[in-house]
Amino acid sequence: MNALIAFPFAAAVQPLFGSQWLALAVVLAGVAVFMAVVAGVGRWLAATHPDAPRRPVAPPVPTGPSPEVLAVIAAAVAVTAGPRARIAAVELAKAEPPSVEMLMQQWSVEGRRQIYSSHQVR
């Protein structure tokens, strides 16, 4: 099939400014000018709008267990292990968000449960 028959407007398209390379250079120069203008406006805004003054930082709050909780733990250890038991350390456990692998494993276990429950027992 002839290209002029399928697309009659294809032969009439001419590169911008008479050359593809010149058109590319003009477009790239336009992008560079636009970036320079955006950078200049950003610098002007940063100079005319200073940052807000920072508020003083509060002292850190102790994250360990309270004395009441420590007393309860000590009493539970004394009752369970005897009065000579010693507590070496008490630390808070950090909960981690569930990983993608763990969530996918839960879905596969549920899928297996549904498949096995659909089978009839002989």
PDB file of N, CA and C in Angstrom:
ATOM      1  N   MET A   1       0.846  -1.169   0.000  1.00  0.00           N
ATOM      2  CA  MET A   1       0.000   0.000   0.000  1.00  0.00           C
ATOM      3  C   MET A   1       0.896   1.238   0.000  1.00  0.00           C
ATOM      4  N   ASN A   2       0.546   2.185  -0.738  1.00  0.00           N
ATOM      5  CA  ASN A   2       1.324   3.401  -0.851  1.00  0.00           C
ATOM      6  C   ASN A   2       1.131   4.268   0.393  1.00  0.00           C
ATOM      7  N   ALA A   3       2.223   4.832   0.930  1.00  0.00           N
ATOM      8  CA  ALA A   3       2.139   5.638   2.149  1.00  0.00           C
ATOM      9  C   ALA A   3       1.374   6.924   1.921  1.00  0.00           C
ATOM     10  N   LEU A   4       1.427   7.465   0.719  1.00  0.00           N
ATOM     11  CA  LEU A   4       0.708   8.705   0.445  1.00  0.00           C
ATOM     12  C   LEU A   4      -0.790   8.477   0.383  1.00  0.00           C
ATOM     13  N   ILE A   5      -1.194   7.281   0.038  1.00  0.00           N
ATOM     14  CA  ILE A   5      -2.625   6.988  -0.004  1.00  0.00           C
ATOM     15  C   ILE A   5      -3.153   6.802   1.412  1.00  0.00           C
ATOM     16  N   ALA A   6      -2.401   6.092   2.273  1.00  0.00           N
ATOM     17  CA  ALA A   6      -2.859   5.831   3.632  1.00  0.00           C
ATOM     18  C   ALA A   6      -2.817   7.106   4.484  1.00  0.00           C
ATOM     19  N   PHE A   7      -1.747   7.894   4.318  1.00  0.00           N
ATOM     20  CA  PHE A   7      -1.599   9.110   5.101  1.00  0.00           C
ATOM     21  C   PHE A   7      -1.249  10.264   4.165  1.00  0.00           C
ATOM     22  N   PRO A   8      -2.236  10.911   3.605  1.00  0.00           N
ATOM     23  CA  PRO A   8      -1.922  11.963   2.637  1.00  0.00           C
ATOM     24  C   PRO A   8      -1.256  13.182   3.261  1.00  0.00           C
ATOM     25  N   PHE A   9      -1.402  13.381   4.583  1.00  0.00           N
ATOM     26  CA  PHE A   9      -0.815  14.554   5.220  1.00  0.00           C
ATOM     27  C   PHE A   9       0.640  14.322   5.611  1.00  0.00           C
ATOM     28  N   ALA A  10       1.154  13.091   5.505  1.00  0.00           N
ATOM     29  CA  ALA A  10       2.509  12.780   5.947  1.00  0.00           C
ATOM     30  C   ALA A  10       3.555  13.503   5.113  1.00  0.00           C
ATOM     31  N   ALA A  11       3.317  13.669   3.844  1.00  0.00           N
ATOM     32  CA  ALA A  11       4.312  14.321   2.991  1.00  0.00           C
ATOM     33  C   ALA A  11       4.353  15.822   3.240  1.00  0.00           C
ATOM     34  N   ALA A  12       3.296  16.405   3.790  1.00  0.00           N
ATOM     35  CA  ALA A  12       3.236  17.847   3.986  1.00  0.00           C
ATOM     36  C   ALA A  12       3.901  18.292   5.288  1.00  0.00           C
ATOM     37  N   VAL A  13       4.264  17.369   6.198  1.00  0.00           N
ATOM     38  CA  VAL A  13       4.852  17.724   7.484  1.00  0.00           C
ATOM     39  C   VAL A  13       6.313  18.086   7.267  1.00  0.00           C
ATOM     40  N   GLN A  14       6.707  19.269   7.719  1.00  0.00           N
ATOM     41  CA  GLN A  14       8.081  19.740   7.622  1.00  0.00           C
ATOM     42  C   GLN A  14       8.615  19.955   9.035  1.00  0.00           C
ATOM     43  N   PRO A  15       9.916  19.729   9.237  1.00  0.00           N
ATOM     44  CA  PRO A  15      10.471  19.970  10.565  1.00  0.00           C
ATOM     45  C   PRO A  15      10.399  21.450  10.936  1.00  0.00           C
ATOM     46  N   LEU A  16      10.297  21.684  12.224  1.00  0.00           N
ATOM     47  CA  LEU A  16      10.237  23.044  12.738  1.00  0.00           C
ATOM     48  C   LEU A  16      11.554  23.758  12.436  1.00  0.00           C
ATOM     49  N   PHE A  17      11.525  24.983  12.012  1.00  0.00           N
ATOM     50  CA  PHE A  17      12.678  25.809  11.674  1.00  0.00           C
ATOM     51  C   PHE A  17      13.490  25.235  10.516  1.00  0.00           C
ATOM     52  N   GLY A  18      12.950  24.287   9.769  1.00  0.00           N
ATOM     53  CA  GLY A  18      13.618  23.755   8.591  1.00  0.00           C
ATOM     54  C   GLY A  18      14.592  22.629   8.873  1.00  0.00           C
ATOM     55  N   SER A  19      14.927  22.346  10.117  1.00  0.00           N
ATOM     56  CA  SER A  19      15.875  21.286  10.442  1.00  0.00           C
ATOM     57  C   SER A  19      15.461  20.635  11.754  1.00  0.00           C
ATOM     58  N   GLN A  20      15.570  19.325  11.814  1.00  0.00           N
ATOM     59  CA  GLN A  20      15.218  18.616  13.040  1.00  0.00           C
ATOM     60  C   GLN A  20      16.183  18.986  14.172  1.00  0.00           C
ATOM     61  N   TRP A  21      17.467  19.141  13.861  1.00  0.00           N
ATOM     62  CA  TRP A  21      18.455  19.445  14.886  1.00  0.00           C
ATOM     63  C   TRP A  21      18.279  20.858  15.423  1.00  0.00           C
ATOM     64  N   LEU A  22      17.934  21.755  14.554  1.00  0.00           N
ATOM     65  CA  LEU A  22      17.687  23.127  14.998  1.00  0.00           C
ATOM     66  C   LEU A  22      16.444  23.182  15.880  1.00  0.00           C
ATOM     67  N   ALA A  23      15.431  22.423  15.518  1.00  0.00           N
ATOM     68  CA  ALA A  23      14.215  22.368  16.335  1.00  0.00           C
ATOM     69  C   ALA A  23      14.520  21.776  17.709  1.00  0.00           C
ATOM     70  N   LEU A  24      15.335  20.713  17.744  1.00  0.00           N
ATOM     71  CA  LEU A  24      15.713  20.108  19.017  1.00  0.00           C
ATOM     72  C   LEU A  24      16.487  21.101  19.884  1.00  0.00           C
ATOM     73  N   ALA A  25      17.411  21.837  19.276  1.00  0.00           N
ATOM     74  CA  ALA A  25      18.194  22.827  20.027  1.00  0.00           C
ATOM     75  C   ALA A  25      17.298  23.925  20.588  1.00  0.00           C
ATOM     76  N   VAL A  26      16.309  24.369  19.812  1.00  0.00           N
ATOM     77  CA  VAL A  26      15.397  25.414  20.288  1.00  0.00           C
ATOM     78  C   VAL A  26      14.557  24.906  21.453  1.00  0.00           C
ATOM     79  N   VAL A  27      14.063  23.684  21.355  1.00  0.00           N
ATOM     80  CA  VAL A  27      13.248  23.120  22.442  1.00  0.00           C
ATOM     81  C   VAL A  27      14.091  22.955  23.707  1.00  0.00           C
ATOM     82  N   LEU A  28      15.314  22.432  23.580  1.00  0.00           N
ATOM     83  CA  LEU A  28      16.182  22.267  24.752  1.00  0.00           C
ATOM     84  C   LEU A  28      16.559  23.610  25.366  1.00  0.00           C
ATOM     85  N   ALA A  29      16.804  24.618  24.539  1.00  0.00           N
ATOM     86  CA  ALA A  29      17.096  25.946  25.058  1.00  0.00           C
ATOM     87  C   ALA A  29      15.883  26.507  25.794  1.00  0.00           C
ATOM     88  N   GLY A  30      14.698  26.262  25.278  1.00  0.00           N
ATOM     89  CA  GLY A  30      13.481  26.708  25.960  1.00  0.00           C
ATOM     90  C   GLY A  30      13.320  26.045  27.317  1.00  0.00           C
ATOM     91  N   VAL A  31      13.619  24.760  27.392  1.00  0.00           N
ATOM     92  CA  VAL A  31      13.540  24.052  28.676  1.00  0.00           C
ATOM     93  C   VAL A  31      14.568  24.619  29.652  1.00  0.00           C
ATOM     94  N   ALA A  32      15.775  24.900  29.180  1.00  0.00           N
ATOM     95  CA  ALA A  32      16.811  25.462  30.054  1.00  0.00           C
ATOM     96  C   ALA A  32      16.405  26.837  30.576  1.00  0.00           C
ATOM     97  N   VAL A  33      15.820  27.665  29.725  1.00  0.00           N
ATOM     98  CA  VAL A  33      15.360  28.991  30.158  1.00  0.00           C
ATOM     99  C   VAL A  33      14.243  28.847  31.190  1.00  0.00           C
ATOM    100  N   PHE A  34      13.326  27.926  30.953  1.00  0.00           N
ATOM    101  CA  PHE A  34      12.227  27.702  31.905  1.00  0.00           C
ATOM    102  C   PHE A  34      12.778  27.259  33.262  1.00  0.00           C
ATOM    103  N   MET A  35      13.765  26.356  33.268  1.00  0.00           N
ATOM    104  CA  MET A  35      14.356  25.905  34.532  1.00  0.00           C
ATOM    105  C   MET A  35      15.065  27.041  35.254  1.00  0.00           C
ATOM    106  N   ALA A  36      15.734  27.906  34.508  1.00  0.00           N
ATOM    107  CA  ALA A  36      16.412  29.051  35.123  1.00  0.00           C
ATOM    108  C   ALA A  36      15.405  30.007  35.739  1.00  0.00           C
ATOM    109  N   VAL A  37      14.275  30.227  35.074  1.00  0.00           N
ATOM    110  CA  VAL A  37      13.235  31.105  35.615  1.00  0.00           C
ATOM    111  C   VAL A  37      12.654  30.513  36.893  1.00  0.00           C
ATOM    112  N   VAL A  38      12.373  29.201  36.898  1.00  0.00           N
ATOM    113  CA  VAL A  38      11.828  28.554  38.099  1.00  0.00           C
ATOM    114  C   VAL A  38      12.829  28.635  39.247  1.00  0.00           C
ATOM    115  N   ALA A  39      14.126  28.418  38.975  1.00  0.00           N
ATOM    116  CA  ALA A  39      15.143  28.517  40.026  1.00  0.00           C
ATOM    117  C   ALA A  39      15.227  29.940  40.563  1.00  0.00           C
ATOM    118  N   GLY A  40      15.151  30.934  39.686  1.00  0.00           N
ATOM    119  CA  GLY A  40      15.196  32.331  40.129  1.00  0.00           C
ATOM    120  C   GLY A  40      14.001  32.691  40.992  1.00  0.00           C
ATOM    121  N   VAL A  41      12.820  32.240  40.605  1.00  0.00           N
ATOM    122  CA  VAL A  41      11.622  32.504  41.420  1.00  0.00           C
ATOM    123  C   VAL A  41      11.750  31.808  42.764  1.00  0.00           C
ATOM    124  N   GLY A  42      12.293  30.607  42.784  1.00  0.00           N
ATOM    125  CA  GLY A  42      12.489  29.898  44.049  1.00  0.00           C
ATOM    126  C   GLY A  42      13.440  30.619  44.969  1.00  0.00           C
ATOM    127  N   ARG A  43      14.547  31.131  44.416  1.00  0.00           N
ATOM    128  CA  ARG A  43      15.496  31.892  45.238  1.00  0.00           C
ATOM    129  C   ARG A  43      14.868  33.179  45.762  1.00  0.00           C
ATOM    130  N   TRP A  44      14.093  33.846  44.921  1.00  0.00           N
ATOM    131  CA  TRP A  44      13.434  35.084  45.348  1.00  0.00           C
ATOM    132  C   TRP A  44      12.444  34.798  46.468  1.00  0.00           C
ATOM    133  N   LEU A  45      11.651  33.717  46.337  1.00  0.00           N
ATOM    134  CA  LEU A  45      10.688  33.369  47.393  1.00  0.00           C
ATOM    135  C   LEU A  45      11.404  32.993  48.689  1.00  0.00           C
ATOM    136  N   ALA A  46      12.522  32.273  48.585  1.00  0.00           N
ATOM    137  CA  ALA A  46      13.267  31.895  49.785  1.00  0.00           C
ATOM    138  C   ALA A  46      13.841  33.125  50.484  1.00  0.00           C
ATOM    139  N   ALA A  47      14.244  34.131  49.706  1.00  0.00           N
ATOM    140  CA  ALA A  47      14.813  35.339  50.314  1.00  0.00           C
ATOM    141  C   ALA A  47      13.741  36.219  50.930  1.00  0.00           C
ATOM    142  N   THR A  48      12.557  36.273  50.348  1.00  0.00           N
ATOM    143  CA  THR A  48      11.513  37.174  50.848  1.00  0.00           C
ATOM    144  C   THR A  48      10.604  36.523  51.884  1.00  0.00           C
ATOM    145  N   HIS A  49      10.661  35.215  52.029  1.00  0.00           N
ATOM    146  CA  HIS A  49       9.821  34.509  53.003  1.00  0.00           C
ATOM    147  C   HIS A  49      10.719  33.654  53.896  1.00  0.00           C
ATOM    148  N   PRO A  50      11.299  34.227  54.957  1.00  0.00           N
ATOM    149  CA  PRO A  50      12.198  33.445  55.818  1.00  0.00           C
ATOM    150  C   PRO A  50      11.416  32.372  56.581  1.00  0.00           C
ATOM    151  N   ASP A  51      12.169  31.409  57.064  1.00  0.00           N
ATOM    152  CA  ASP A  51      11.561  30.329  57.840  1.00  0.00           C
ATOM    153  C   ASP A  51      10.983  30.871  59.142  1.00  0.00           C
ATOM    154  N   ALA A  52       9.952  30.203  59.630  1.00  0.00           N
ATOM    155  CA  ALA A  52       9.352  30.578  60.909  1.00  0.00           C
ATOM    156  C   ALA A  52      10.324  30.241  62.031  1.00  0.00           C
ATOM    157  N   PRO A  53      10.316  31.019  63.106  1.00  0.00           N
ATOM    158  CA  PRO A  53      11.226  30.702  64.217  1.00  0.00           C
ATOM    159  C   PRO A  53      10.861  29.346  64.811  1.00  0.00           C
ATOM    160  N   ARG A  54      11.887  28.621  65.176  1.00  0.00           N
ATOM    161  CA  ARG A  54      11.665  27.284  65.722  1.00  0.00           C
ATOM    162  C   ARG A  54      11.296  27.369  67.192  1.00  0.00           C
ATOM    163  N   ARG A  55      10.363  26.523  67.568  1.00  0.00           N
ATOM    164  CA  ARG A  55       9.972  26.441  68.970  1.00  0.00           C
ATOM    165  C   ARG A  55      10.984  25.582  69.720  1.00  0.00           C
ATOM    166  N   PRO A  56      11.171  25.841  71.012  1.00  0.00           N
ATOM    167  CA  PRO A  56      12.118  25.008  71.764  1.00  0.00           C
ATOM    168  C   PRO A  56      11.611  23.568  71.835  1.00  0.00           C
ATOM    169  N   VAL A  57      12.547  22.667  71.789  1.00  0.00           N
ATOM    170  CA  VAL A  57      12.218  21.237  71.818  1.00  0.00           C
ATOM    171  C   VAL A  57      11.990  20.821  73.263  1.00  0.00           C
ATOM    172  N   ALA A  58      10.918  20.075  73.487  1.00  0.00           N
ATOM    173  CA  ALA A  58      10.615  19.590  74.828  1.00  0.00           C
ATOM    174  C   ALA A  58      11.621  18.508  75.209  1.00  0.00           C
ATOM    175  N   PRO A  59      11.916  18.393  76.499  1.00  0.00           N
ATOM    176  CA  PRO A  59      12.847  17.338  76.918  1.00  0.00           C
ATOM    177  C   PRO A  59      12.243  15.965  76.631  1.00  0.00           C
ATOM    178  N   PRO A  60      13.082  14.994  76.361  1.00  0.00           N
ATOM    179  CA  PRO A  60      12.556  13.670  76.033  1.00  0.00           C
ATOM    180  C   PRO A  60      11.814  13.048  77.218  1.00  0.00           C
ATOM    181  N   VAL A  61      10.739  12.383  76.901  1.00  0.00           N
ATOM    182  CA  VAL A  61       9.929  11.714  77.912  1.00  0.00           C
ATOM    183  C   VAL A  61      10.478  10.303  78.085  1.00  0.00           C
ATOM    184  N   PRO A  62      10.700   9.865  79.320  1.00  0.00           N
ATOM    185  CA  PRO A  62      11.200   8.503  79.514  1.00  0.00           C
ATOM    186  C   PRO A  62      10.199   7.495  78.951  1.00  0.00           C
ATOM    187  N   THR A  63      10.719   6.535  78.192  1.00  0.00           N
ATOM    188  CA  THR A  63       9.834   5.570  77.546  1.00  0.00           C
ATOM    189  C   THR A  63       9.784   4.247  78.280  1.00  0.00           C
ATOM    190  N   GLY A  64      10.516   4.108  79.361  1.00  0.00           N
ATOM    191  CA  GLY A  64      10.517   2.859  80.116  1.00  0.00           C
ATOM    192  C   GLY A  64       9.234   2.696  80.913  1.00  0.00           C
ATOM    193  N   PRO A  65       9.079   1.536  81.498  1.00  0.00           N
ATOM    194  CA  PRO A  65       7.883   1.298  82.310  1.00  0.00           C
ATOM    195  C   PRO A  65       7.878   2.153  83.571  1.00  0.00           C
ATOM    196  N   SER A  66       6.694   2.459  84.045  1.00  0.00           N
ATOM    197  CA  SER A  66       6.554   3.285  85.248  1.00  0.00           C
ATOM    198  C   SER A  66       6.964   2.474  86.482  1.00  0.00           C
ATOM    199  N   PRO A  67       7.215   3.150  87.596  1.00  0.00           N
ATOM    200  CA  PRO A  67       7.587   2.424  88.825  1.00  0.00           C
ATOM    201  C   PRO A  67       6.503   1.445  89.288  1.00  0.00           C
ATOM    202  N   GLU A  68       5.248   1.773  89.053  1.00  0.00           N
ATOM    203  CA  GLU A  68       4.171   0.869  89.443  1.00  0.00           C
ATOM    204  C   GLU A  68       4.241  -0.432  88.640  1.00  0.00           C
ATOM    205  N   VAL A  69       4.517  -0.318  87.345  1.00  0.00           N
ATOM    206  CA  VAL A  69       4.618  -1.515  86.504  1.00  0.00           C
ATOM    207  C   VAL A  69       5.818  -2.350  86.927  1.00  0.00           C
ATOM    208  N   LEU A  70       6.942  -1.695  87.252  1.00  0.00           N
ATOM    209  CA  LEU A  70       8.108  -2.432  87.724  1.00  0.00           C
ATOM    210  C   LEU A  70       7.812  -3.179  89.028  1.00  0.00           C
ATOM    211  N   ALA A  71       7.043  -2.560  89.913  1.00  0.00           N
ATOM    212  CA  ALA A  71       6.672  -3.225  91.168  1.00  0.00           C
ATOM    213  C   ALA A  71       5.800  -4.449  90.898  1.00  0.00           C
ATOM    214  N   VAL A  72       4.890  -4.351  89.960  1.00  0.00           N
ATOM    215  CA  VAL A  72       4.024  -5.496  89.622  1.00  0.00           C
ATOM    216  C   VAL A  72       4.857  -6.624  89.017  1.00  0.00           C
ATOM    217  N   ILE A  73       5.813  -6.272  88.133  1.00  0.00           N
ATOM    218  CA  ILE A  73       6.672  -7.292  87.533  1.00  0.00           C
ATOM    219  C   ILE A  73       7.516  -7.971  88.603  1.00  0.00           C
ATOM    220  N   ALA A  74       8.066  -7.189  89.527  1.00  0.00           N
ATOM    221  CA  ALA A  74       8.877  -7.762  90.606  1.00  0.00           C
ATOM    222  C   ALA A  74       8.041  -8.685  91.487  1.00  0.00           C
ATOM    223  N   ALA A  75       6.816  -8.297  91.784  1.00  0.00           N
ATOM    224  CA  ALA A  75       5.945  -9.143  92.601  1.00  0.00           C
ATOM    225  C   ALA A  75       5.601 -10.435  91.870  1.00  0.00           C
ATOM    226  N   ALA A  76       5.330 -10.351  90.566  1.00  0.00           N
ATOM    227  CA  ALA A  76       4.999 -11.549  89.801  1.00  0.00           C
ATOM    228  C   ALA A  76       6.191 -12.502  89.732  1.00  0.00           C
ATOM    229  N   VAL A  77       7.403 -11.946  89.561  1.00  0.00           N
ATOM    230  CA  VAL A  77       8.591 -12.803  89.523  1.00  0.00           C
ATOM    231  C   VAL A  77       8.820 -13.435  90.888  1.00  0.00           C
ATOM    232  N   ALA A  78       8.623 -12.694  91.977  1.00  0.00           N
ATOM    233  CA  ALA A  78       8.821 -13.235  93.329  1.00  0.00           C
ATOM    234  C   ALA A  78       7.832 -14.353  93.617  1.00  0.00           C
ATOM    235  N   VAL A  79       6.593 -14.206  93.186  1.00  0.00           N
ATOM    236  CA  VAL A  79       5.585 -15.248  93.430  1.00  0.00           C
ATOM    237  C   VAL A  79       5.856 -16.468  92.560  1.00  0.00           C
ATOM    238  N   THR A  80       6.246 -16.232  91.309  1.00  0.00           N
ATOM    239  CA  THR A  80       6.414 -17.340  90.371  1.00  0.00           C
ATOM    240  C   THR A  80       7.734 -18.076  90.593  1.00  0.00           C
ATOM    241  N   ALA A  81       8.850 -17.365  90.689  1.00  0.00           N
ATOM    242  CA  ALA A  81      10.162 -17.999  90.737  1.00  0.00           C
ATOM    243  C   ALA A  81      10.745 -18.056  92.139  1.00  0.00           C
ATOM    244  N   GLY A  82      10.118 -17.422  93.107  1.00  0.00           N
ATOM    245  CA  GLY A  82      10.639 -17.457  94.475  1.00  0.00           C
ATOM    246  C   GLY A  82      11.290 -16.142  94.850  1.00  0.00           C
ATOM    247  N   PRO A  83      11.511 -15.938  96.145  1.00  0.00           N
ATOM    248  CA  PRO A  83      12.033 -14.651  96.609  1.00  0.00           C
ATOM    249  C   PRO A  83      13.505 -14.414  96.236  1.00  0.00           C
ATOM    250  N   ARG A  84      14.251 -15.460  95.880  1.00  0.00           N
ATOM    251  CA  ARG A  84      15.661 -15.283  95.546  1.00  0.00           C
ATOM    252  C   ARG A  84      15.876 -14.956  94.069  1.00  0.00           C
ATOM    253  N   ALA A  85      14.826 -14.934  93.281  1.00  0.00           N
ATOM    254  CA  ALA A  85      14.947 -14.638  91.841  1.00  0.00           C
ATOM    255  C   ALA A  85      15.299 -13.170  91.655  1.00  0.00           C
ATOM    256  N   ARG A  86      16.099 -12.905  90.642  1.00  0.00           N
ATOM    257  CA  ARG A  86      16.518 -11.536  90.360  1.00  0.00           C
ATOM    258  C   ARG A  86      16.073 -11.158  88.958  1.00  0.00           C
ATOM    259  N   ILE A  87      15.667  -9.910  88.805  1.00  0.00           N
ATOM    260  CA  ILE A  87      15.292  -9.391  87.495  1.00  0.00           C
ATOM    261  C   ILE A  87      16.515  -8.687  86.924  1.00  0.00           C
ATOM    262  N   ALA A  88      16.984  -9.156  85.768  1.00  0.00           N
ATOM    263  CA  ALA A  88      18.186  -8.566  85.175  1.00  0.00           C
ATOM    264  C   ALA A  88      17.852  -7.268  84.448  1.00  0.00           C
ATOM    265  N   ALA A  89      16.771  -7.260  83.675  1.00  0.00           N
ATOM    266  CA  ALA A  89      16.417  -6.060  82.913  1.00  0.00           C
ATOM    267  C   ALA A  89      14.960  -6.138  82.495  1.00  0.00           C
ATOM    268  N   VAL A  90      14.365  -4.975  82.354  1.00  0.00           N
ATOM    269  CA  VAL A  90      12.999  -4.875  81.848  1.00  0.00           C
ATOM    270  C   VAL A  90      13.033  -3.900  80.674  1.00  0.00           C
ATOM    271  N   GLU A  91      12.646  -4.373  79.497  1.00  0.00           N
ATOM    272  CA  GLU A  91      12.640  -3.537  78.305  1.00  0.00           C
ATOM    273  C   GLU A  91      11.301  -3.668  77.605  1.00  0.00           C
ATOM    274  N   LEU A  92      10.892  -2.579  76.981  1.00  0.00           N
ATOM    275  CA  LEU A  92       9.665  -2.609  76.205  1.00  0.00           C
ATOM    276  C   LEU A  92       9.921  -3.295  74.871  1.00  0.00           C
ATOM    277  N   ALA A  93       8.991  -4.139  74.464  1.00  0.00           N
ATOM    278  CA  ALA A  93       9.111  -4.799  73.161  1.00  0.00           C
ATOM    279  C   ALA A  93       8.595  -3.851  72.095  1.00  0.00           C
ATOM    280  N   LYS A  94       9.303  -3.793  70.984  1.00  0.00           N
ATOM    281  CA  LYS A  94       8.895  -2.923  69.888  1.00  0.00           C
ATOM    282  C   LYS A  94       8.076  -3.740  68.898  1.00  0.00           C
ATOM    283  N   ALA A  95       6.871  -3.295  68.646  1.00  0.00           N
ATOM    284  CA  ALA A  95       6.013  -3.973  67.688  1.00  0.00           C
ATOM    285  C   ALA A  95       6.381  -3.519  66.283  1.00  0.00           C
ATOM    286  N   GLU A  96       6.625  -4.482  65.394  1.00  0.00           N
ATOM    287  CA  GLU A  96       6.952  -4.168  64.009  1.00  0.00           C
ATOM    288  C   GLU A  96       5.706  -4.338  63.148  1.00  0.00           C
ATOM    289  N   PRO A  97       5.537  -3.500  62.151  1.00  0.00           N
ATOM    290  CA  PRO A  97       4.383  -3.680  61.271  1.00  0.00           C
ATOM    291  C   PRO A  97       4.505  -4.991  60.513  1.00  0.00           C
ATOM    292  N   PRO A  98       3.376  -5.605  60.161  1.00  0.00           N
ATOM    293  CA  PRO A  98       3.446  -6.881  59.450  1.00  0.00           C
ATOM    294  C   PRO A  98       4.093  -6.704  58.083  1.00  0.00           C
ATOM    295  N   SER A  99       4.927  -7.658  57.725  1.00  0.00           N
ATOM    296  CA  SER A  99       5.609  -7.588  56.442  1.00  0.00           C
ATOM    297  C   SER A  99       4.694  -8.105  55.338  1.00  0.00           C
ATOM    298  N   VAL A 100       5.079  -7.835  54.113  1.00  0.00           N
ATOM    299  CA  VAL A 100       4.297  -8.290  52.964  1.00  0.00           C
ATOM    300  C   VAL A 100       4.290  -9.802  52.907  1.00  0.00           C
ATOM    301  N   GLU A 101       5.437 -10.432  53.241  1.00  0.00           N
ATOM    302  CA  GLU A 101       5.508 -11.889  53.206  1.00  0.00           C
ATOM    303  C   GLU A 101       4.535 -12.501  54.210  1.00  0.00           C
ATOM    304  N   MET A 102       4.433 -11.893  55.396  1.00  0.00           N
ATOM    305  CA  MET A 102       3.527 -12.434  56.396  1.00  0.00           C
ATOM    306  C   MET A 102       2.075 -12.287  55.942  1.00  0.00           C
ATOM    307  N   LEU A 103       1.734 -11.157  55.335  1.00  0.00           N
ATOM    308  CA  LEU A 103       0.372 -10.973  54.854  1.00  0.00           C
ATOM    309  C   LEU A 103       0.063 -11.946  53.727  1.00  0.00           C
ATOM    310  N   MET A 104       1.017 -12.169  52.824  1.00  0.00           N
ATOM    311  CA  MET A 104       0.794 -13.115  51.734  1.00  0.00           C
ATOM    312  C   MET A 104       0.642 -14.525  52.272  1.00  0.00           C
ATOM    313  N   GLN A 105       1.384 -14.873  53.327  1.00  0.00           N
ATOM    314  CA  GLN A 105       1.260 -16.196  53.912  1.00  0.00           C
ATOM    315  C   GLN A 105      -0.141 -16.369  54.514  1.00  0.00           C
ATOM    316  N   GLN A 106      -0.681 -15.327  55.138  1.00  0.00           N
ATOM    317  CA  GLN A 106      -2.020 -15.421  55.692  1.00  0.00           C
ATOM    318  C   GLN A 106      -3.044 -15.668  54.590  1.00  0.00           C
ATOM    319  N   TRP A 107      -2.869 -14.996  53.443  1.00  0.00           N
ATOM    320  CA  TRP A 107      -3.800 -15.211  52.336  1.00  0.00           C
ATOM    321  C   TRP A 107      -3.700 -16.633  51.805  1.00  0.00           C
ATOM    322  N   SER A 108      -2.478 -17.176  51.711  1.00  0.00           N
ATOM    323  CA  SER A 108      -2.344 -18.529  51.186  1.00  0.00           C
ATOM    324  C   SER A 108      -2.927 -19.551  52.152  1.00  0.00           C
ATOM    325  N   VAL A 109      -2.763 -19.336  53.448  1.00  0.00           N
ATOM    326  CA  VAL A 109      -3.346 -20.242  54.434  1.00  0.00           C
ATOM    327  C   VAL A 109      -4.874 -20.194  54.349  1.00  0.00           C
ATOM    328  N   GLU A 110      -5.439 -19.015  54.201  1.00  0.00           N
ATOM    329  CA  GLU A 110      -6.896 -18.903  54.077  1.00  0.00           C
ATOM    330  C   GLU A 110      -7.374 -19.579  52.802  1.00  0.00           C
ATOM    331  N   GLY A 111      -6.637 -19.434  51.717  1.00  0.00           N
ATOM    332  CA  GLY A 111      -7.010 -20.091  50.466  1.00  0.00           C
ATOM    333  C   GLY A 111      -6.996 -21.601  50.605  1.00  0.00           C
ATOM    334  N   ARG A 112      -5.962 -22.142  51.250  1.00  0.00           N
ATOM    335  CA  ARG A 112      -5.919 -23.590  51.473  1.00  0.00           C
ATOM    336  C   ARG A 112      -7.082 -24.044  52.351  1.00  0.00           C
ATOM    337  N   ARG A 113      -7.410 -23.266  53.379  1.00  0.00           N
ATOM    338  CA  ARG A 113      -8.520 -23.641  54.262  1.00  0.00           C
ATOM    339  C   ARG A 113      -9.823 -23.722  53.483  1.00  0.00           C
ATOM    340  N   GLN A 114     -10.038 -22.747  52.592  1.00  0.00           N
ATOM    341  CA  GLN A 114     -11.265 -22.758  51.805  1.00  0.00           C
ATOM    342  C   GLN A 114     -11.300 -23.935  50.848  1.00  0.00           C
ATOM    343  N   ILE A 115     -10.160 -24.269  50.243  1.00  0.00           N
ATOM    344  CA  ILE A 115     -10.133 -25.399  49.310  1.00  0.00           C
ATOM    345  C   ILE A 115     -10.386 -26.702  50.054  1.00  0.00           C
ATOM    346  N   TYR A 116      -9.716 -26.903  51.201  1.00  0.00           N
ATOM    347  CA  TYR A 116      -9.891 -28.143  51.948  1.00  0.00           C
ATOM    348  C   TYR A 116     -11.288 -28.255  52.536  1.00  0.00           C
ATOM    349  N   SER A 117     -11.891 -27.139  52.906  1.00  0.00           N
ATOM    350  CA  SER A 117     -13.239 -27.219  53.473  1.00  0.00           C
ATOM    351  C   SER A 117     -14.280 -27.477  52.396  1.00  0.00           C
ATOM    352  N   SER A 118     -13.947 -27.226  51.135  1.00  0.00           N
ATOM    353  CA  SER A 118     -14.910 -27.504  50.069  1.00  0.00           C
ATOM    354  C   SER A 118     -14.915 -28.978  49.669  1.00  0.00           C
ATOM    355  N   HIS A 119     -13.880 -29.732  50.057  1.00  0.00           N
ATOM    356  CA  HIS A 119     -13.831 -31.153  49.714  1.00  0.00           C
ATOM    357  C   HIS A 119     -14.724 -31.957  50.642  1.00  0.00           C
ATOM    358  N   GLN A 120     -15.272 -33.039  50.107  1.00  0.00           N
ATOM    359  CA  GLN A 120     -16.130 -33.896  50.925  1.00  0.00           C
ATOM    360  C   GLN A 120     -15.291 -34.999  51.565  1.00  0.00           C
ATOM    361  N   VAL A 121     -15.558 -35.276  52.815  1.00  0.00           N
ATOM    362  CA  VAL A 121     -14.831 -36.308  53.532  1.00  0.00           C
ATOM    363  C   VAL A 121     -15.447 -37.647  53.186  1.00  0.00           C
ATOM    364  N   ARG A 122     -14.619 -38.654  52.898  1.00  0.00           N
ATOM    365  CA  ARG A 122     -15.124 -39.996  52.525  1.00  0.00           C
ATOM    366  C   ARG A 122     -15.250 -40.878  53.706  1.00  0.00           C
TER     367      ARG A 122
END
